[in-house]
Amino acid sequence: MSDMLTKLGIDWRLFLAQLVNFLVLFLVLRFFAWKPLLASLEERRNKVKQGVADADAAAQKLKDIEREREETLSKTRAEAMRIVEKAEERACSLKDEKLRLAKTEIEQQITEAKEMIKGERAASFNALKQDVAKLVTEATGKVVNQMDSKGHNQLIQEAIKDLESA
């Protein structure tokens, strides 16, 4: 076998020395470089995994916050609608109350005006009655002065009959 190696141009002693050097270098690199490199890669992998988990948690939290915001907006809109409806109902009831009060006041004014008209009518009627009575008395006085005693007695009898029938 040594002949075969020499024919190929390989010195087995040099080859053995290079093999030992390679193994020593391999063991040194494995111990001092490879293990820390693998540990560093594992640490990096864990950090990336943690970063992905944190990003997923943040995305879920964002979804939860968005859902809460929508719920809050929905509740706020419902509350605003309820307040508006309540205000509209109150406005309608106030309007109805004001209309009722206005109608009552108008009816009261109409009643007072009718009573005042009745009073003025009665006063006017009494004044007219007094004027007519005065005119009748004056006219009767003139007629009686011109009338004789027989006509006067007849007039008195007719007045008595009218009073008895009334």
Protein backbone atom coordinates (compact mmCIF):
# COMPACT_ATOMS: atom_id res chain seq x y z
CA MET A 1 0.00 0.00 0.00
CA SER A 2 2.86 2.28 0.64
CA ASP A 3 3.92 1.76 -2.99
CA MET A 4 0.60 2.79 -4.22
CA LEU A 5 0.66 5.97 -2.12
CA THR A 6 4.13 6.84 -3.36
CA LYS A 7 3.07 6.27 -6.95
CA LEU A 8 0.28 8.74 -6.36
CA GLY A 9 2.75 11.19 -4.87
CA ILE A 10 1.44 10.98 -1.36
CA ASP A 11 3.85 10.69 1.56
CA TRP A 12 2.13 8.67 4.22
CA ARG A 13 4.02 10.34 7.10
CA LEU A 14 3.12 13.76 5.86
CA PHE A 15 -0.43 12.57 5.34
CA LEU A 16 -0.57 11.21 8.90
CA ALA A 17 0.81 14.48 10.28
CA GLN A 18 -1.73 16.48 8.29
CA LEU A 19 -4.48 14.13 9.53
CA VAL A 20 -3.42 14.66 13.15
CA ASN A 21 -3.23 18.42 12.55
CA PHE A 22 -6.67 18.36 10.98
CA LEU A 23 -8.13 16.39 13.91
CA VAL A 24 -6.53 18.74 16.43
CA LEU A 25 -7.77 21.75 14.49
CA PHE A 26 -11.19 20.16 14.17
CA LEU A 27 -11.43 19.46 17.92
CA VAL A 28 -10.18 22.95 18.81
CA LEU A 29 -12.60 24.61 16.39
CA ARG A 30 -15.43 22.37 17.52
CA PHE A 31 -14.82 23.22 21.17
CA PHE A 32 -14.02 26.93 20.81
CA ALA A 33 -15.91 27.98 17.69
CA TRP A 34 -18.60 25.47 16.77
CA LYS A 35 -20.29 25.13 20.20
CA PRO A 36 -20.44 28.93 20.80
CA LEU A 37 -21.62 29.40 17.25
CA LEU A 38 -24.39 26.81 17.74
CA ALA A 39 -25.27 28.37 21.11
CA SER A 40 -25.41 31.80 19.46
CA LEU A 41 -27.58 30.41 16.65
CA GLU A 42 -29.88 28.73 19.20
CA GLU A 43 -30.13 31.99 21.15
CA ARG A 44 -30.90 33.86 17.93
CA ARG A 45 -33.52 31.24 17.02
CA ASN A 46 -35.14 31.64 20.46
CA LYS A 47 -35.12 35.45 20.09
CA VAL A 48 -36.76 35.18 16.67
CA LYS A 49 -39.31 32.71 18.03
CA GLN A 50 -40.01 35.07 20.97
CA GLY A 51 -40.29 38.02 18.56
CA VAL A 52 -42.83 36.12 16.43
CA ALA A 53 -44.78 35.16 19.57
CA ASP A 54 -44.71 38.80 20.76
CA ALA A 55 -45.85 40.01 17.33
CA ASP A 56 -48.71 37.48 17.38
CA ALA A 57 -49.67 38.60 20.90
CA ALA A 58 -49.53 42.25 19.82
CA ALA A 59 -51.68 41.50 16.77
CA GLN A 60 -54.22 39.68 18.98
CA LYS A 61 -54.19 42.55 21.46
CA LEU A 62 -54.73 45.00 18.60
CA LYS A 63 -57.70 42.94 17.41
CA ASP A 64 -59.10 42.89 20.95
CA ILE A 65 -58.65 46.65 21.29
CA GLU A 66 -60.29 47.21 17.90
CA ARG A 67 -63.22 44.99 18.92
CA GLU A 68 -63.56 46.87 22.22
CA ARG A 69 -63.43 50.17 20.34
CA GLU A 70 -66.20 49.01 18.01
CA GLU A 71 -68.29 47.84 20.97
CA THR A 72 -67.72 51.15 22.75
CA LEU A 73 -68.64 53.10 19.61
CA SER A 74 -71.74 50.97 19.18
CA LYS A 75 -72.78 51.54 22.80
CA THR A 76 -72.05 55.26 22.48
CA ARG A 77 -74.10 55.52 19.29
CA ALA A 78 -76.98 53.63 20.96
CA GLU A 79 -76.77 55.94 23.99
CA ALA A 80 -76.70 59.00 21.73
CA MET A 81 -79.76 57.74 19.84
CA ARG A 82 -81.54 57.08 23.15
CA ILE A 83 -80.70 60.61 24.34
CA VAL A 84 -81.91 62.12 21.06
CA GLU A 85 -85.16 60.12 21.21
CA LYS A 86 -85.67 61.15 24.82
CA ALA A 87 -85.06 64.80 23.90
CA GLU A 88 -87.52 64.53 20.99
CA GLU A 89 -90.13 62.98 23.29
CA ARG A 90 -89.56 65.72 25.85
CA ALA A 91 -89.80 68.38 23.14
CA CYS A 92 -93.08 66.88 21.91
CA SER A 93 -94.49 66.73 25.42
CA LEU A 94 -93.39 70.34 26.07
CA LYS A 95 -94.94 71.41 22.77
CA ASP A 96 -98.18 69.61 23.65
CA GLU A 97 -98.16 71.19 27.11
CA LYS A 98 -97.55 74.68 25.66
CA LEU A 99 -100.36 74.13 23.13
CA ARG A 100 -102.68 72.97 25.89
CA LEU A 101 -101.79 75.99 28.04
CA ALA A 102 -102.26 78.34 25.06
CA LYS A 103 -105.66 76.80 24.26
CA THR A 104 -106.69 77.10 27.90
CA GLU A 105 -105.59 80.73 28.00
CA ILE A 106 -107.38 81.49 24.73
CA GLU A 107 -110.56 79.81 25.99
CA GLN A 108 -110.30 81.80 29.22
CA GLN A 109 -109.86 85.04 27.27
CA ILE A 110 -112.80 84.14 25.04
CA THR A 111 -114.95 83.41 28.10
CA GLU A 112 -113.91 86.71 29.72
CA ALA A 113 -114.64 88.55 26.48
CA LYS A 114 -118.09 86.92 26.25
CA GLU A 115 -118.81 87.85 29.86
CA MET A 116 -117.65 91.40 29.19
CA ILE A 117 -119.81 91.55 26.04
CA LYS A 118 -122.77 90.22 28.02
CA GLY A 119 -122.20 92.87 30.69
CA GLU A 120 -121.87 95.64 28.13
CA ARG A 121 -124.93 94.34 26.29
CA ALA A 122 -126.93 94.26 29.51
CA ALA A 123 -125.72 97.77 30.39
CA SER A 124 -126.57 98.99 26.88
CA PHE A 125 -129.96 97.27 27.07
CA ASN A 126 -130.67 98.85 30.47
CA ALA A 127 -129.57 102.26 29.19
CA LEU A 128 -131.79 101.80 26.12
CA LYS A 129 -134.65 100.66 28.33
CA GLN A 130 -134.27 103.74 30.50
CA ASP A 131 -134.11 105.97 27.43
CA VAL A 132 -137.21 104.30 25.98
CA ALA A 133 -139.00 104.55 29.33
CA LYS A 134 -138.09 108.21 29.55
CA LEU A 135 -139.27 108.82 25.99
CA VAL A 136 -142.47 106.85 26.61
CA THR A 137 -143.09 108.77 29.82
CA GLU A 138 -142.58 112.05 28.04
CA ALA A 139 -144.78 110.97 25.14
CA THR A 140 -147.41 109.62 27.49
CA GLY A 141 -147.32 112.82 29.48
CA LYS A 142 -147.96 114.81 26.32
CA VAL A 143 -150.70 112.41 25.19
CA VAL A 144 -152.32 112.38 28.62
CA ASN A 145 -152.30 116.17 28.75
CA GLN A 146 -154.10 116.19 25.44
CA MET A 147 -156.42 113.33 26.35
CA ASP A 148 -159.67 113.75 28.17
CA SER A 149 -160.58 112.01 31.42
CA LYS A 150 -162.55 109.23 29.67
CA GLY A 151 -159.57 108.24 27.47
CA HIS A 152 -157.36 108.52 30.50
CA ASN A 153 -159.48 106.04 32.50
CA GLN A 154 -159.59 103.63 29.55
CA LEU A 155 -155.79 103.72 29.24
CA ILE A 156 -155.39 103.00 32.96
CA GLN A 157 -157.76 99.99 32.71
CA GLU A 158 -155.79 98.51 29.78
CA ALA A 159 -152.51 98.91 31.68
CA ILE A 160 -154.02 97.10 34.70
CA LYS A 161 -155.19 94.23 32.49
CA ASP A 162 -151.75 93.92 30.87
CA LEU A 163 -150.13 93.82 34.30
CA GLU A 164 -152.57 91.14 35.52
CA SER A 165 -151.98 88.91 32.50
CA ALA A 166 -148.18 89.23 32.75
